[in-house]
Amino acid sequence: MRWLNLTLLILFPVAWFAPLMRAALLPIFGMDEISVISGLQSLWGADAGLALLVTFLAIFAPYAKTIGLALVQFGLLSRATLPALQILGKLAMADVFLIAIYIVIAKGAGWVTIETAWGLWLFTACVLTSVLIAWAAARDFAHGNHVESAAHADKSDPALSS
């Protein structure tokens, strides 16, 4: 699980730049691709407060949670931080719901055409994978099955000490 968690450190940035959706006022004029980053760039010009909130939910929360969980899994951070990491994970999931609400609202307007793109699926998969990894880690730690630091494991393994 900890290696899967580390892959999220690569996949999250890919998901931020990947197209979440394609949108057009009238589809005959072509559709613009919207990613997390391009959406944030537009949002910073229109509403800095909302842009700050979405930046926290879409970029900071999932990445900080992934890094924190990796540190716990490799024995470099205390298990006591797991509740805070779970909160960060829930905040990151809120961003996926925000995107879904925007799509529903825009489609309801009638004159806007929106198609979801592969980046939305990748971003959602990253967030859900992160939530599942955190859940599994919390469960393992609650049952006493935790990963010790590499240095401690090397000293306690007789095969490695000889």
C-alpha atoms as a PDB file:
ATOM      1  CA  MET A   1       0.000   0.000   0.000  1.00  0.00           C
ATOM      2  CA  ARG A   2       2.798   2.432   0.744  1.00  0.00           C
ATOM      3  CA  TRP A   3       4.164   2.118  -2.813  1.00  0.00           C
ATOM      4  CA  LEU A   4       0.704   2.757  -4.224  1.00  0.00           C
ATOM      5  CA  ASN A   5       0.555   5.847  -2.030  1.00  0.00           C
ATOM      6  CA  LEU A   6       3.883   7.034  -3.454  1.00  0.00           C
ATOM      7  CA  THR A   7       2.537   6.714  -6.999  1.00  0.00           C
ATOM      8  CA  LEU A   8      -0.059   9.316  -6.049  1.00  0.00           C
ATOM      9  CA  LEU A   9       2.788  11.832  -5.662  1.00  0.00           C
ATOM     10  CA  ILE A  10       3.245  11.466  -9.435  1.00  0.00           C
ATOM     11  CA  LEU A  11      -0.391  11.001 -10.441  1.00  0.00           C
ATOM     12  CA  PHE A  12      -1.823  14.014  -8.583  1.00  0.00           C
ATOM     13  CA  PRO A  13       0.232  16.569 -10.577  1.00  0.00           C
ATOM     14  CA  VAL A  14      -0.692  14.761 -13.817  1.00  0.00           C
ATOM     15  CA  ALA A  15      -4.364  14.990 -12.808  1.00  0.00           C
ATOM     16  CA  TRP A  16      -4.048  18.731 -12.070  1.00  0.00           C
ATOM     17  CA  PHE A  17      -2.913  19.432 -15.637  1.00  0.00           C
ATOM     18  CA  ALA A  18      -5.135  16.832 -17.347  1.00  0.00           C
ATOM     19  CA  PRO A  19      -8.406  18.000 -18.933  1.00  0.00           C
ATOM     20  CA  LEU A  20     -11.279  17.613 -16.468  1.00  0.00           C
ATOM     21  CA  MET A  21     -13.920  18.675 -18.934  1.00  0.00           C
ATOM     22  CA  ARG A  22     -14.517  20.306 -22.281  1.00  0.00           C
ATOM     23  CA  ALA A  23     -16.879  23.248 -22.362  1.00  0.00           C
ATOM     24  CA  ALA A  24     -18.345  25.511 -25.017  1.00  0.00           C
ATOM     25  CA  LEU A  25     -21.057  28.116 -25.181  1.00  0.00           C
ATOM     26  CA  LEU A  26     -22.057  26.687 -28.547  1.00  0.00           C
ATOM     27  CA  PRO A  27     -20.464  23.365 -29.545  1.00  0.00           C
ATOM     28  CA  ILE A  28     -20.125  24.423 -33.209  1.00  0.00           C
ATOM     29  CA  PHE A  29     -17.324  26.837 -32.208  1.00  0.00           C
ATOM     30  CA  GLY A  30     -15.191  24.117 -30.637  1.00  0.00           C
ATOM     31  CA  MET A  31     -14.743  23.210 -27.026  1.00  0.00           C
ATOM     32  CA  ASP A  32     -12.149  24.487 -24.550  1.00  0.00           C
ATOM     33  CA  GLU A  33     -10.447  21.992 -22.272  1.00  0.00           C
ATOM     34  CA  ILE A  34     -10.498  22.882 -18.589  1.00  0.00           C
ATOM     35  CA  SER A  35      -8.028  21.432 -16.096  1.00  0.00           C
ATOM     36  CA  VAL A  36      -7.603  22.068 -12.388  1.00  0.00           C
ATOM     37  CA  ILE A  37      -4.704  24.419 -13.170  1.00  0.00           C
ATOM     38  CA  SER A  38      -6.433  26.299 -16.003  1.00  0.00           C
ATOM     39  CA  GLY A  39      -9.565  26.600 -13.875  1.00  0.00           C
ATOM     40  CA  LEU A  40      -7.524  27.990 -10.989  1.00  0.00           C
ATOM     41  CA  GLN A  41      -5.833  30.487 -13.305  1.00  0.00           C
ATOM     42  CA  SER A  42      -9.230  31.775 -14.450  1.00  0.00           C
ATOM     43  CA  LEU A  43     -10.586  31.763 -10.923  1.00  0.00           C
ATOM     44  CA  TRP A  44      -7.701  33.849  -9.535  1.00  0.00           C
ATOM     45  CA  GLY A  45      -8.682  36.646 -11.928  1.00  0.00           C
ATOM     46  CA  ALA A  46     -12.361  36.515 -10.981  1.00  0.00           C
ATOM     47  CA  ASP A  47     -12.523  35.642  -7.267  1.00  0.00           C
ATOM     48  CA  ALA A  48      -9.313  35.337  -5.252  1.00  0.00           C
ATOM     49  CA  GLY A  49     -11.085  34.016  -2.131  1.00  0.00           C
ATOM     50  CA  LEU A  50     -12.742  31.161  -3.969  1.00  0.00           C
ATOM     51  CA  ALA A  51      -9.501  30.508  -5.863  1.00  0.00           C
ATOM     52  CA  LEU A  52      -7.643  30.200  -2.568  1.00  0.00           C
ATOM     53  CA  LEU A  53     -10.238  27.737  -1.241  1.00  0.00           C
ATOM     54  CA  VAL A  54     -10.186  25.608  -4.407  1.00  0.00           C
ATOM     55  CA  THR A  55      -6.356  25.688  -4.475  1.00  0.00           C
ATOM     56  CA  PHE A  56      -6.338  24.354  -0.924  1.00  0.00           C
ATOM     57  CA  LEU A  57      -8.940  21.653  -1.677  1.00  0.00           C
ATOM     58  CA  ALA A  58      -7.592  20.576  -5.072  1.00  0.00           C
ATOM     59  CA  ILE A  59      -3.836  20.838  -4.624  1.00  0.00           C
ATOM     60  CA  PHE A  60      -2.644  21.361  -1.066  1.00  0.00           C
ATOM     61  CA  ALA A  61      -4.972  19.004   0.862  1.00  0.00           C
ATOM     62  CA  PRO A  62      -4.540  15.848  -1.250  1.00  0.00           C
ATOM     63  CA  TYR A  63      -0.800  16.311  -1.725  1.00  0.00           C
ATOM     64  CA  ALA A  64      -0.109  17.103   1.944  1.00  0.00           C
ATOM     65  CA  LYS A  65      -2.193  14.095   2.972  1.00  0.00           C
ATOM     66  CA  THR A  66      -0.311  11.816   0.564  1.00  0.00           C
ATOM     67  CA  ILE A  67       3.076  13.030   1.774  1.00  0.00           C
ATOM     68  CA  GLY A  68       2.007  12.767   5.418  1.00  0.00           C
ATOM     69  CA  LEU A  69       0.660   9.256   4.955  1.00  0.00           C
ATOM     70  CA  ALA A  70       3.866   8.176   3.191  1.00  0.00           C
ATOM     71  CA  LEU A  71       5.886   9.507   6.119  1.00  0.00           C
ATOM     72  CA  VAL A  72       3.696   7.541   8.554  1.00  0.00           C
ATOM     73  CA  GLN A  73       3.923   4.390   6.425  1.00  0.00           C
ATOM     74  CA  PHE A  74       7.721   4.584   6.277  1.00  0.00           C
ATOM     75  CA  GLY A  75       7.958   5.245  10.040  1.00  0.00           C
ATOM     76  CA  LEU A  76       9.126   8.853   9.709  1.00  0.00           C
ATOM     77  CA  LEU A  77       6.017  10.466  11.234  1.00  0.00           C
ATOM     78  CA  SER A  78       3.943   9.502  14.253  1.00  0.00           C
ATOM     79  CA  ARG A  79       0.723   7.520  13.847  1.00  0.00           C
ATOM     80  CA  ALA A  80      -0.920  10.210  15.978  1.00  0.00           C
ATOM     81  CA  THR A  81      -1.140  12.358  12.834  1.00  0.00           C
ATOM     82  CA  LEU A  82      -3.552   9.927  11.100  1.00  0.00           C
ATOM     83  CA  PRO A  83      -6.735  11.743  12.235  1.00  0.00           C
ATOM     84  CA  ALA A  84      -5.422  15.019  10.785  1.00  0.00           C
ATOM     85  CA  LEU A  85      -4.472  13.245   7.557  1.00  0.00           C
ATOM     86  CA  GLN A  86      -7.981  11.780   7.315  1.00  0.00           C
ATOM     87  CA  ILE A  87      -9.452  15.279   7.631  1.00  0.00           C
ATOM     88  CA  LEU A  88      -7.192  16.463   4.804  1.00  0.00           C
ATOM     89  CA  GLY A  89      -8.472  13.548   2.721  1.00  0.00           C
ATOM     90  CA  LYS A  90     -12.086  14.508   3.322  1.00  0.00           C
ATOM     91  CA  LEU A  91     -11.336  18.096   2.351  1.00  0.00           C
ATOM     92  CA  ALA A  92      -9.721  16.879  -0.870  1.00  0.00           C
ATOM     93  CA  MET A  93     -12.824  14.852  -1.699  1.00  0.00           C
ATOM     94  CA  ALA A  94     -14.896  18.033  -1.324  1.00  0.00           C
ATOM     95  CA  ASP A  95     -13.178  19.375  -4.450  1.00  0.00           C
ATOM     96  CA  VAL A  96     -14.473  16.495  -6.583  1.00  0.00           C
ATOM     97  CA  PHE A  97     -17.991  17.281  -5.382  1.00  0.00           C
ATOM     98  CA  LEU A  98     -17.503  20.980  -6.227  1.00  0.00           C
ATOM     99  CA  ILE A  99     -16.533  20.062  -9.788  1.00  0.00           C
ATOM    100  CA  ALA A 100     -19.576  17.789 -10.085  1.00  0.00           C
ATOM    101  CA  ILE A 101     -21.866  20.574  -8.846  1.00  0.00           C
ATOM    102  CA  TYR A 102     -20.396  23.022 -11.384  1.00  0.00           C
ATOM    103  CA  ILE A 103     -21.017  20.530 -14.195  1.00  0.00           C
ATOM    104  CA  VAL A 104     -24.641  19.980 -13.129  1.00  0.00           C
ATOM    105  CA  ILE A 105     -25.286  23.732 -12.819  1.00  0.00           C
ATOM    106  CA  ALA A 106     -23.698  24.536 -16.180  1.00  0.00           C
ATOM    107  CA  LYS A 107     -25.571  21.742 -17.959  1.00  0.00           C
ATOM    108  CA  GLY A 108     -28.798  22.970 -16.394  1.00  0.00           C
ATOM    109  CA  ALA A 109     -28.283  26.388 -17.963  1.00  0.00           C
ATOM    110  CA  GLY A 110     -29.101  24.857 -21.358  1.00  0.00           C
ATOM    111  CA  TRP A 111     -26.825  26.891 -23.635  1.00  0.00           C
ATOM    112  CA  VAL A 112     -23.584  25.462 -22.344  1.00  0.00           C
ATOM    113  CA  THR A 113     -22.223  22.159 -23.587  1.00  0.00           C
ATOM    114  CA  ILE A 114     -19.994  20.273 -21.177  1.00  0.00           C
ATOM    115  CA  GLU A 115     -18.314  16.917 -21.630  1.00  0.00           C
ATOM    116  CA  THR A 116     -16.300  15.245 -18.911  1.00  0.00           C
ATOM    117  CA  ALA A 117     -12.736  14.324 -19.867  1.00  0.00           C
ATOM    118  CA  TRP A 118     -10.245  11.699 -18.714  1.00  0.00           C
ATOM    119  CA  GLY A 119      -8.600  14.041 -16.206  1.00  0.00           C
ATOM    120  CA  LEU A 120     -11.768  14.155 -14.110  1.00  0.00           C
ATOM    121  CA  TRP A 121     -11.668  10.371 -13.824  1.00  0.00           C
ATOM    122  CA  LEU A 122      -7.941  10.414 -13.015  1.00  0.00           C
ATOM    123  CA  PHE A 123      -8.352  13.131 -10.376  1.00  0.00           C
ATOM    124  CA  THR A 124     -11.324  11.316  -8.818  1.00  0.00           C
ATOM    125  CA  ALA A 125      -9.401   8.010  -8.841  1.00  0.00           C
ATOM    126  CA  CYS A 126      -6.408   9.667  -7.146  1.00  0.00           C
ATOM    127  CA  VAL A 127      -8.578  11.155  -4.394  1.00  0.00           C
ATOM    128  CA  LEU A 128     -10.524   7.908  -3.847  1.00  0.00           C
ATOM    129  CA  THR A 129      -7.307   5.838  -3.855  1.00  0.00           C
ATOM    130  CA  SER A 130      -5.847   8.203  -1.295  1.00  0.00           C
ATOM    131  CA  VAL A 131      -8.951   7.863   0.891  1.00  0.00           C
ATOM    132  CA  LEU A 132      -8.809   4.050   0.666  1.00  0.00           C
ATOM    133  CA  ILE A 133      -5.081   3.951   1.458  1.00  0.00           C
ATOM    134  CA  ALA A 134      -5.641   6.162   4.514  1.00  0.00           C
ATOM    135  CA  TRP A 135      -8.524   3.956   5.636  1.00  0.00           C
ATOM    136  CA  ALA A 136      -6.393   0.817   5.243  1.00  0.00           C
ATOM    137  CA  ALA A 137      -3.472   2.433   7.074  1.00  0.00           C
ATOM    138  CA  ALA A 138      -5.702   3.507   9.968  1.00  0.00           C
ATOM    139  CA  ARG A 139      -7.171   0.011  10.157  1.00  0.00           C
ATOM    140  CA  ASP A 140      -3.702  -1.589  10.102  1.00  0.00           C
ATOM    141  CA  PHE A 141      -2.373   0.754  12.765  1.00  0.00           C
ATOM    142  CA  ALA A 142      -5.428   0.134  14.951  1.00  0.00           C
ATOM    143  CA  HIS A 143      -4.701  -3.612  14.790  1.00  0.00           C
ATOM    144  CA  GLY A 144      -1.003  -3.102  15.537  1.00  0.00           C
ATOM    145  CA  ASN A 145       0.166  -3.930  11.998  1.00  0.00           C
ATOM    146  CA  HIS A 146       2.289  -0.889  11.328  1.00  0.00           C
ATOM    147  CA  VAL A 147       5.411  -0.395   9.285  1.00  0.00           C
ATOM    148  CA  GLU A 148       8.509   0.349  11.313  1.00  0.00           C
ATOM    149  CA  SER A 149      11.202   2.666  10.097  1.00  0.00           C
ATOM    150  CA  ALA A 150      13.701   1.140   7.681  1.00  0.00           C
ATOM    151  CA  ALA A 151      16.590   1.684  10.104  1.00  0.00           C
ATOM    152  CA  HIS A 152      14.779  -0.145  12.923  1.00  0.00           C
ATOM    153  CA  ALA A 153      13.698  -2.973  10.612  1.00  0.00           C
ATOM    154  CA  ASP A 154      17.292  -3.498   9.425  1.00  0.00           C
ATOM    155  CA  LYS A 155      18.564  -3.861  13.003  1.00  0.00           C
ATOM    156  CA  SER A 156      15.829  -6.300  14.008  1.00  0.00           C
ATOM    157  CA  ASP A 157      16.139  -8.547  10.946  1.00  0.00           C
ATOM    158  CA  PRO A 158      18.738 -11.258  11.654  1.00  0.00           C
ATOM    159  CA  ALA A 159      19.264 -11.888   7.925  1.00  0.00           C
ATOM    160  CA  LEU A 160      20.330  -8.266   7.400  1.00  0.00           C
ATOM    161  CA  SER A 161      22.550  -7.947  10.463  1.00  0.00           C
ATOM    162  CA  SER A 162      24.987 -10.720   9.551  1.00  0.00           C
END
